[in-house]
Protein backbone atom coordinates (compact mmCIF):
# COMPACT_ATOMS: atom_id res chain seq x y z
CA UNK A 1 -51.26 -23.06 49.69
CA UNK A 2 -54.47 -23.59 47.72
CA UNK A 3 -55.10 -22.57 44.11
CA UNK A 4 -56.86 -23.64 40.92
CA UNK A 5 -55.48 -26.27 38.57
CA UNK A 6 -56.63 -28.55 35.75
CA UNK A 7 -56.58 -32.16 36.93
CA UNK A 8 -56.62 -35.23 34.69
CA UNK A 9 -58.20 -37.99 36.78
CA UNK A 10 -58.31 -40.82 34.26
CA UNK A 11 -56.86 -41.49 30.83
CA UNK A 12 -60.24 -41.20 29.07
CA UNK A 13 -61.89 -38.41 31.09
CA UNK A 14 -61.88 -34.66 30.47
CA UNK A 15 -59.76 -32.31 32.55
CA UNK A 16 -61.49 -30.84 35.60
CA UNK A 17 -60.51 -27.43 36.93
CA UNK A 18 -60.53 -27.68 40.70
CA UNK A 19 -58.83 -26.52 43.86
CA UNK A 20 -55.54 -28.20 44.76
CA UNK A 21 -53.08 -27.84 47.59
CA UNK A 22 -49.29 -27.61 47.48
CA UNK A 23 -47.44 -27.54 50.79
CA UNK A 24 -44.83 -26.63 51.90
CA UNK A 25 -43.46 -24.28 49.23
CA UNK A 26 -40.82 -23.67 48.14
CA UNK A 27 -38.08 -25.94 49.50
CA UNK A 28 -34.36 -25.28 49.31
CA UNK A 29 -33.25 -24.72 45.70
CA UNK A 30 -36.79 -24.24 44.41
CA UNK A 31 -38.88 -21.27 43.32
CA UNK A 32 -42.61 -20.66 43.46
CA UNK A 33 -43.94 -19.22 40.20
CA UNK A 34 -47.29 -17.55 39.59
CA UNK A 35 -48.20 -18.92 36.17
CA UNK A 36 -49.13 -16.36 33.51
CA UNK A 37 -49.62 -18.85 30.66
CA UNK A 38 -48.89 -22.47 29.78
CA UNK A 39 -48.62 -24.00 26.32
CA UNK A 40 -50.45 -27.24 25.59
CA UNK A 41 -48.01 -29.73 24.09
CA UNK A 42 -48.71 -33.01 22.29
CA UNK A 43 -46.78 -34.74 25.06
CA UNK A 44 -49.41 -33.62 27.58
CA UNK A 45 -52.11 -35.18 25.43
CA UNK A 46 -50.08 -38.34 24.73
CA UNK A 47 -50.62 -39.34 28.36
CA UNK A 48 -54.02 -40.62 27.25
CA UNK A 49 -52.44 -42.89 24.62
CA UNK A 50 -49.82 -44.29 26.99
CA UNK A 51 -52.31 -45.26 29.69
CA UNK A 52 -50.63 -46.70 32.77
CA UNK A 53 -47.19 -45.24 32.14
CA UNK A 54 -47.68 -41.83 33.76
CA UNK A 55 -49.42 -41.84 37.15
CA UNK A 56 -52.87 -40.30 37.56
CA UNK A 57 -54.62 -38.29 38.85
CA UNK A 58 -52.20 -35.54 37.94
CA UNK A 59 -51.77 -31.90 37.05
CA UNK A 60 -50.06 -31.87 33.66
CA UNK A 61 -48.59 -28.92 31.76
CA UNK A 62 -44.93 -28.39 30.99
CA UNK A 63 -44.68 -25.20 28.94
CA UNK A 64 -45.25 -22.74 31.77
CA UNK A 65 -44.10 -19.16 32.18
CA UNK A 66 -44.76 -16.59 34.85
CA UNK A 67 -43.40 -14.53 37.71
CA UNK A 68 -41.34 -15.72 40.68
CA UNK A 69 -43.24 -15.03 43.91
CA UNK A 70 -41.14 -17.05 46.34
CA UNK A 71 -37.69 -18.58 46.60
CA UNK A 72 -36.32 -21.40 48.72
CA UNK A 73 -32.84 -20.86 50.14
CA UNK A 74 -30.32 -18.16 49.31
CA UNK A 75 -28.72 -19.74 46.24
CA UNK A 76 -31.49 -20.08 43.64
CA UNK A 77 -30.08 -17.30 41.47
CA UNK A 78 -33.60 -15.88 41.13
CA UNK A 79 -35.50 -13.20 42.99
CA UNK A 80 -39.14 -12.39 43.60
CA UNK A 81 -40.50 -10.48 40.63
CA UNK A 82 -38.28 -12.20 38.04
CA UNK A 83 -40.09 -13.27 34.87
CA UNK A 84 -39.23 -16.85 33.95
CA UNK A 85 -39.87 -19.55 31.37
CA UNK A 86 -40.06 -23.07 32.79
CA UNK A 87 -38.49 -26.07 31.09
CA UNK A 88 -37.96 -29.78 31.70
CA UNK A 89 -36.37 -31.28 34.82
CA UNK A 90 -32.93 -32.88 35.05
CA UNK A 91 -30.73 -34.13 37.86
CA UNK A 92 -27.84 -31.74 37.18
CA UNK A 93 -25.07 -34.17 38.10
CA UNK A 94 -25.12 -37.22 35.80
CA UNK A 95 -22.68 -37.50 32.87
CA UNK A 96 -25.18 -36.09 30.37
CA UNK A 97 -26.09 -33.11 32.55
CA UNK A 98 -22.42 -32.36 33.19
CA UNK A 99 -21.81 -32.56 29.44
CA UNK A 100 -24.45 -29.83 28.82
CA UNK A 101 -26.97 -32.37 27.51
CA UNK A 102 -29.73 -32.20 30.17
CA UNK A 103 -32.37 -33.65 27.80
CA UNK A 104 -30.46 -36.94 27.99
CA UNK A 105 -30.27 -36.93 31.79
CA UNK A 106 -30.01 -40.41 33.28
CA UNK A 107 -33.13 -39.60 35.32
CA UNK A 108 -35.10 -37.84 32.58
CA UNK A 109 -37.97 -40.35 32.46
CA UNK A 110 -38.42 -40.64 36.21
CA UNK A 111 -38.19 -36.89 36.80
CA UNK A 112 -40.42 -35.78 33.94
CA UNK A 113 -42.86 -38.58 33.15
CA UNK A 114 -43.27 -40.97 36.05
CA UNK A 115 -43.98 -39.05 39.20
CA UNK A 116 -41.23 -36.54 39.77
CA UNK A 117 -38.84 -36.30 42.66
CA UNK A 118 -39.50 -38.72 45.50
CA UNK A 119 -39.20 -35.99 48.12
CA UNK A 120 -42.17 -34.20 46.54
CA UNK A 121 -44.44 -37.23 46.24
CA UNK A 122 -46.85 -36.20 49.00
CA UNK A 123 -46.80 -32.43 48.42
CA UNK A 124 -49.56 -32.13 45.80
CA UNK A 125 -53.11 -32.98 46.92
CA UNK A 126 -56.67 -32.23 45.86
CA UNK A 127 -59.27 -30.44 47.97
CA UNK A 128 -60.20 -33.66 49.74
CA UNK A 129 -56.58 -34.47 50.60
CA UNK A 130 -56.12 -37.11 47.89
CA UNK A 131 -52.64 -37.36 46.44
CA UNK A 132 -51.94 -36.01 42.95
CA UNK A 133 -48.94 -37.05 40.91
CA UNK A 134 -46.38 -34.28 41.36
CA UNK A 135 -44.16 -32.26 39.09
CA UNK A 136 -45.05 -33.32 35.54
CA UNK A 137 -41.90 -32.36 33.61
CA UNK A 138 -40.71 -30.67 36.77
CA UNK A 139 -43.55 -28.15 36.90
CA UNK A 140 -47.23 -29.29 36.53
CA UNK A 141 -48.12 -25.88 35.15
CA UNK A 142 -51.76 -26.34 34.09
CA UNK A 143 -52.33 -24.35 37.25
CA UNK A 144 -52.22 -20.93 38.83
CA UNK A 145 -48.90 -21.71 40.54
CA UNK A 146 -46.01 -24.12 40.08
CA UNK A 147 -42.96 -25.06 42.13
CA UNK A 148 -39.84 -25.87 40.12
CA UNK A 149 -36.15 -26.44 40.69
CA UNK A 150 -34.50 -23.08 40.19
CA UNK A 151 -32.19 -24.37 37.45
CA UNK A 152 -35.28 -25.19 35.32
CA UNK A 153 -36.56 -21.61 35.45
CA UNK A 154 -34.96 -19.34 32.86
CA UNK A 155 -35.05 -15.61 33.55
CA UNK A 156 -36.34 -13.49 30.64
CA UNK A 157 -36.71 -9.81 29.85
CA UNK A 158 -39.68 -8.49 31.89
CA UNK A 159 -40.77 -6.29 28.97
CA UNK A 160 -41.74 -9.42 27.00
CA UNK A 161 -45.32 -10.84 27.07
CA UNK A 162 -44.56 -13.56 29.61
CA UNK A 163 -47.97 -15.22 29.19
CA UNK A 164 -46.95 -16.24 25.64
CA UNK A 165 -43.42 -17.45 26.34
CA UNK A 166 -44.12 -20.90 27.86
CA UNK A 167 -43.86 -22.88 24.59
CA UNK A 168 -40.25 -21.73 24.34
CA UNK A 169 -39.58 -24.22 27.16
CA UNK A 170 -40.47 -27.30 25.08
CA UNK A 171 -42.24 -27.28 21.70
CA UNK A 172 -40.59 -24.25 20.11
CA UNK A 173 -37.33 -25.11 21.91
CA UNK A 174 -37.39 -28.56 20.29
CA UNK A 175 -37.92 -27.38 16.72
CA UNK A 176 -35.56 -24.45 16.88
CA UNK A 177 -32.96 -26.39 18.86
CA UNK A 178 -32.92 -29.18 16.29
CA UNK A 179 -32.01 -26.62 13.63
CA UNK A 180 -29.63 -24.48 15.67
CA UNK A 181 -27.93 -27.16 17.80
CA UNK A 182 -28.51 -30.68 16.49
CA UNK A 183 -27.92 -29.71 12.86
CA UNK A 184 -25.95 -26.47 13.26
CA UNK A 185 -27.68 -25.00 10.21
CA UNK A 186 -25.96 -22.06 8.54
CA UNK A 187 -26.45 -19.76 5.56
CA UNK A 188 -26.95 -21.65 2.32
CA UNK A 189 -27.88 -24.95 3.96
CA UNK A 190 -31.01 -26.82 2.89
CA UNK A 191 -33.56 -28.16 5.38
CA UNK A 192 -36.69 -30.26 4.78
CA UNK A 193 -39.24 -30.26 7.62
CA UNK A 194 -41.90 -32.97 7.69
CA UNK A 195 -44.91 -31.87 9.75
CA UNK A 196 -45.76 -28.19 10.11
CA UNK A 197 -47.11 -28.18 13.63
CA UNK A 198 -45.62 -26.20 16.51
CA UNK A 199 -42.29 -28.04 16.45
CA UNK A 200 -42.00 -28.11 12.67
CA UNK A 201 -42.90 -24.46 12.18
CA UNK A 202 -40.43 -23.45 14.90
CA UNK A 203 -37.82 -25.35 12.90
CA UNK A 204 -38.86 -23.52 9.72
CA UNK A 205 -38.58 -20.13 11.45
CA UNK A 206 -35.18 -20.99 12.91
CA UNK A 207 -33.87 -22.25 9.57
CA UNK A 208 -35.05 -19.09 7.82
CA UNK A 209 -33.40 -16.99 10.53
CA UNK A 210 -30.14 -18.85 9.79
CA UNK A 211 -30.33 -18.05 6.08
CA UNK A 212 -31.16 -21.62 5.05
CA UNK A 213 -33.41 -22.74 2.20
CA UNK A 214 -36.36 -24.64 3.70
CA UNK A 215 -39.04 -27.02 2.40
CA UNK A 216 -42.04 -27.84 4.63
CA UNK A 217 -44.35 -30.83 4.18
CA UNK A 218 -47.80 -31.11 5.77
CA UNK A 219 -51.38 -32.18 5.01
CA UNK A 220 -53.17 -29.08 6.37
CA UNK A 221 -53.43 -26.17 3.89
CA UNK A 222 -53.51 -23.63 6.73
CA UNK A 223 -50.21 -24.89 8.10
CA UNK A 224 -48.63 -24.94 4.68
CA UNK A 225 -49.68 -21.29 4.34
CA UNK A 226 -47.94 -20.51 7.64
CA UNK A 227 -44.81 -22.29 6.44
CA UNK A 228 -44.79 -20.13 3.31
CA UNK A 229 -45.21 -17.01 5.44
CA UNK A 230 -42.14 -18.04 7.42
CA UNK A 231 -40.02 -18.47 4.29
CA UNK A 232 -40.44 -22.14 3.29
CA UNK A 233 -41.47 -23.79 0.08
CA UNK A 234 -44.58 -25.77 1.08
CA UNK A 235 -45.50 -29.22 -0.26
CA UNK A 236 -48.68 -31.22 0.35
CA UNK A 237 -47.84 -34.50 2.11
CA UNK A 238 -50.32 -36.31 -0.15
CA UNK A 239 -48.59 -35.24 -3.36
CA UNK A 240 -46.60 -37.76 -5.35
CA UNK A 241 -42.82 -38.26 -5.38
CA UNK A 242 -42.02 -36.02 -2.41
CA UNK A 243 -38.34 -37.11 -2.33
CA UNK A 244 -37.87 -36.26 -5.99
CA UNK A 245 -39.56 -32.89 -5.66
CA UNK A 246 -37.46 -31.99 -2.62
CA UNK A 247 -34.24 -33.07 -4.35
CA UNK A 248 -35.08 -30.84 -7.30
CA UNK A 249 -35.90 -27.90 -5.02
CA UNK A 250 -32.66 -28.31 -3.05
CA UNK A 251 -30.20 -28.91 -5.91
CA UNK A 252 -29.70 -32.63 -5.36
CA UNK A 253 -31.09 -33.18 -1.88
CA UNK A 254 -31.53 -31.51 1.48
CA UNK A 255 -28.54 -31.46 3.79
CA UNK A 256 -30.84 -31.83 6.81
CA UNK A 257 -34.35 -33.17 7.36
CA UNK A 258 -36.51 -33.06 10.48
CA UNK A 259 -39.46 -35.39 10.97
CA UNK A 260 -42.13 -34.48 13.53
CA UNK A 261 -44.77 -36.95 12.33
CA UNK A 262 -43.51 -40.44 13.30
CA UNK A 263 -44.96 -41.65 9.98
CA UNK A 264 -42.90 -44.51 8.54
CA UNK A 265 -43.79 -43.42 5.00
CA UNK A 266 -42.69 -39.84 5.57
CA UNK A 267 -39.53 -40.90 7.41
CA UNK A 268 -38.51 -42.99 4.40
CA UNK A 269 -39.41 -40.08 2.12
CA UNK A 270 -37.27 -37.78 4.25
CA UNK A 271 -34.28 -40.11 3.98
CA UNK A 272 -34.68 -40.35 0.21
CA UNK A 273 -34.85 -36.55 0.02
CA UNK A 274 -31.41 -36.16 1.65
CA UNK A 275 -28.23 -35.52 -0.26
CA UNK A 276 -25.27 -37.88 0.39
CA UNK A 277 -24.05 -37.54 4.01
CA UNK A 278 -27.38 -35.89 4.90
CA UNK A 279 -28.80 -36.08 8.43
CA UNK A 280 -32.40 -36.87 9.39
CA UNK A 281 -33.52 -36.01 12.92
CA UNK A 282 -36.61 -37.54 14.54
CA UNK A 283 -38.38 -35.71 17.35
CA UNK A 284 -41.67 -37.63 17.65
CA UNK A 285 -41.88 -40.83 19.67
CA UNK A 286 -42.26 -43.93 17.51
CA UNK A 287 -45.09 -46.23 18.62
CA UNK A 288 -44.49 -48.97 16.02
CA UNK A 289 -41.51 -50.58 14.36
CA UNK A 290 -39.84 -48.46 11.69
CA UNK A 291 -39.23 -50.41 8.48
CA UNK A 292 -36.57 -48.67 6.41
CA UNK A 293 -36.68 -49.14 2.66
CA UNK A 294 -33.61 -50.47 0.85
CA UNK A 295 -31.04 -47.85 0.05
CA UNK A 296 -32.38 -45.01 2.19
CA UNK A 297 -29.30 -45.03 4.46
CA UNK A 298 -26.79 -45.45 1.66
CA UNK A 299 -24.05 -42.91 0.83
CA UNK A 300 -23.39 -41.69 4.33
CA UNK A 301 -26.92 -40.69 5.21
CA UNK A 302 -27.70 -40.97 8.93
CA UNK A 303 -30.66 -40.84 11.25
CA UNK A 304 -30.83 -39.82 14.92
CA UNK A 305 -33.36 -39.05 17.61
CA UNK A 306 -33.44 -35.49 18.97
CA UNK A 307 -34.83 -34.76 22.44
CA UNK A 308 -35.73 -31.19 23.47
CA UNK A 309 -33.68 -29.82 20.58
CA UNK A 310 -30.42 -30.95 22.22
CA UNK A 311 -30.75 -27.63 24.05
CA UNK A 312 -29.56 -26.13 27.28
CA UNK A 313 -32.74 -24.13 28.01
CA UNK A 314 -30.90 -21.39 29.89
CA UNK A 315 -28.90 -20.63 26.75
CA UNK A 316 -31.39 -21.25 23.95
CA UNK A 317 -34.49 -19.56 25.40
CA UNK A 318 -32.81 -16.12 25.65
CA UNK A 319 -31.51 -16.60 22.11
CA UNK A 320 -35.03 -17.28 20.85
CA UNK A 321 -36.53 -14.29 22.64
CA UNK A 322 -33.80 -12.16 21.11
CA UNK A 323 -34.67 -13.45 17.65
CA UNK A 324 -38.35 -12.73 18.36
CA UNK A 325 -37.55 -9.17 19.41
CA UNK A 326 -35.63 -8.75 16.15
CA UNK A 327 -38.65 -9.98 14.16
CA UNK A 328 -36.85 -13.16 13.05
CA UNK A 329 -38.68 -15.83 15.09
CA UNK A 330 -42.39 -14.88 15.09
CA UNK A 331 -43.63 -17.72 17.31
CA UNK A 332 -46.52 -15.57 18.60
CA UNK A 333 -48.24 -16.03 15.23
CA UNK A 334 -48.74 -19.72 16.08
CA UNK A 335 -50.49 -19.11 19.40
CA UNK A 336 -54.16 -18.97 20.34
CA UNK A 337 -54.96 -18.27 23.99
CA UNK A 338 -57.69 -19.93 26.07
CA UNK A 339 -58.76 -19.44 29.69
CA UNK A 340 -57.59 -22.38 31.80
CA UNK A 341 -61.29 -23.16 32.37
CA UNK A 342 -61.55 -23.95 28.63
CA UNK A 343 -58.75 -26.53 28.66
CA UNK A 344 -60.96 -29.24 27.16
CA UNK A 345 -61.90 -26.99 24.24
CA UNK A 346 -58.20 -26.26 23.73
CA UNK A 347 -57.46 -30.00 23.67
CA UNK A 348 -60.20 -30.65 21.10
CA UNK A 349 -58.95 -27.82 18.88
CA UNK A 350 -55.37 -29.08 19.17
CA UNK A 351 -56.27 -32.67 18.32
CA UNK A 352 -58.40 -31.55 15.36
CA UNK A 353 -55.61 -29.37 13.97
CA UNK A 354 -57.65 -26.17 14.36
CA UNK A 355 -54.88 -24.50 16.36
CA UNK A 356 -51.11 -24.87 16.18
CA UNK A 357 -50.23 -23.93 19.77
CA UNK A 358 -52.89 -23.42 22.45
CA UNK A 359 -51.76 -21.40 25.45
CA UNK A 360 -53.83 -21.60 28.64
CA UNK A 361 -54.20 -18.49 30.79
CA UNK A 362 -54.99 -19.13 34.48
CA UNK A 363 -56.24 -15.55 34.75
CA UNK A 364 -58.06 -13.20 32.40
CA UNK A 365 -55.72 -11.49 29.91
CA UNK A 366 -54.76 -7.90 30.60
CA UNK A 367 -56.85 -5.08 29.16
CA UNK A 368 -56.45 -4.69 25.43
CA UNK A 369 -55.29 -8.27 24.85
CA UNK A 370 -58.29 -10.32 23.82
CA UNK A 371 -58.51 -14.08 23.62
CA UNK A 372 -56.87 -15.39 20.51
CA UNK A 373 -54.82 -12.24 19.98
CA UNK A 374 -51.13 -11.62 20.40
CA UNK A 375 -49.31 -8.38 21.13
CA UNK A 376 -47.39 -6.47 18.54
CA UNK A 377 -43.97 -8.03 18.36
CA UNK A 378 -41.23 -5.86 19.77
CA UNK A 379 -38.41 -4.97 17.41
CA UNK A 380 -35.09 -3.38 18.02
CA UNK A 381 -36.54 -0.13 16.65
CA UNK A 382 -39.54 0.04 18.99
CA UNK A 383 -38.09 -1.47 22.17
């Protein structure tokens, strides 16, 4: 089948929206999804900075959501017409997958970053028949359609605005999952979040929903204002003595801290802001060595890396949509929509910090939903 997609042909070139071909679709255990919207994640853009690691040309995009329009085989668990959020790929049978930790799948890198499943290598081509790297994060959803393994498609309530739900499959999943799963935050806990982008603000919203006291650190005033709206005390990253200020705000130190910045200075500040036995989670990939200052890991403090919020997407995504419906996880306030044809504008706005979470729409939004707007959030009273 032929359809439109945004193709990245080289690490330093813009995306080009062009016709691609995917054939045959879907195979056994897969579903074909008509994409309603796809979030743009920093990981998509990081392909440019890790030139040579991920194969090009490729169709990127890994925060897709849409409607199932075809199923392969009788045991996918999904039916045509189901609304789904797409998440990352995993093998389903290694020790990590069997232990409900699919983000740590033995094949995570090969399945999600380096070319996908071998059996699909020749299935994605451009209009001239040239091969495109298949299945970025199991989906390649900067496109009108995507084929995914059925276990990576999470069914959601069809009354929800499916075109906005894609970021729940990665960015918002990561921030919220770190709070809800990695840390297990509860009422009365204290959480410091360093970096108030999509992941950090999702963490702030989740911590507030849990009844925790939250401090958010960022350099953009607009993002600090969002953090305040979502219940956090906001601190400018350039202000002096961040650890001391956070310790005073949290009665001796935060129990948990989440760093989304990969800044060595802020990581050390986060460790110093922890109370004894506190836990710092890192979600951003480190591209340099991380020098730790003397004493920052004393008194039982610990540091760990968190991938995809330690989440099982099929369990966490419905939980997050439920919180959204209850008015307790307002992720839609972070989203600005763009037509897929404007993907390069969306990338520029994302890199410049003018938008927290761009969402690309392969088709024009429905009547009454203009670009840059979001629908009124459903609540239990108006559902």
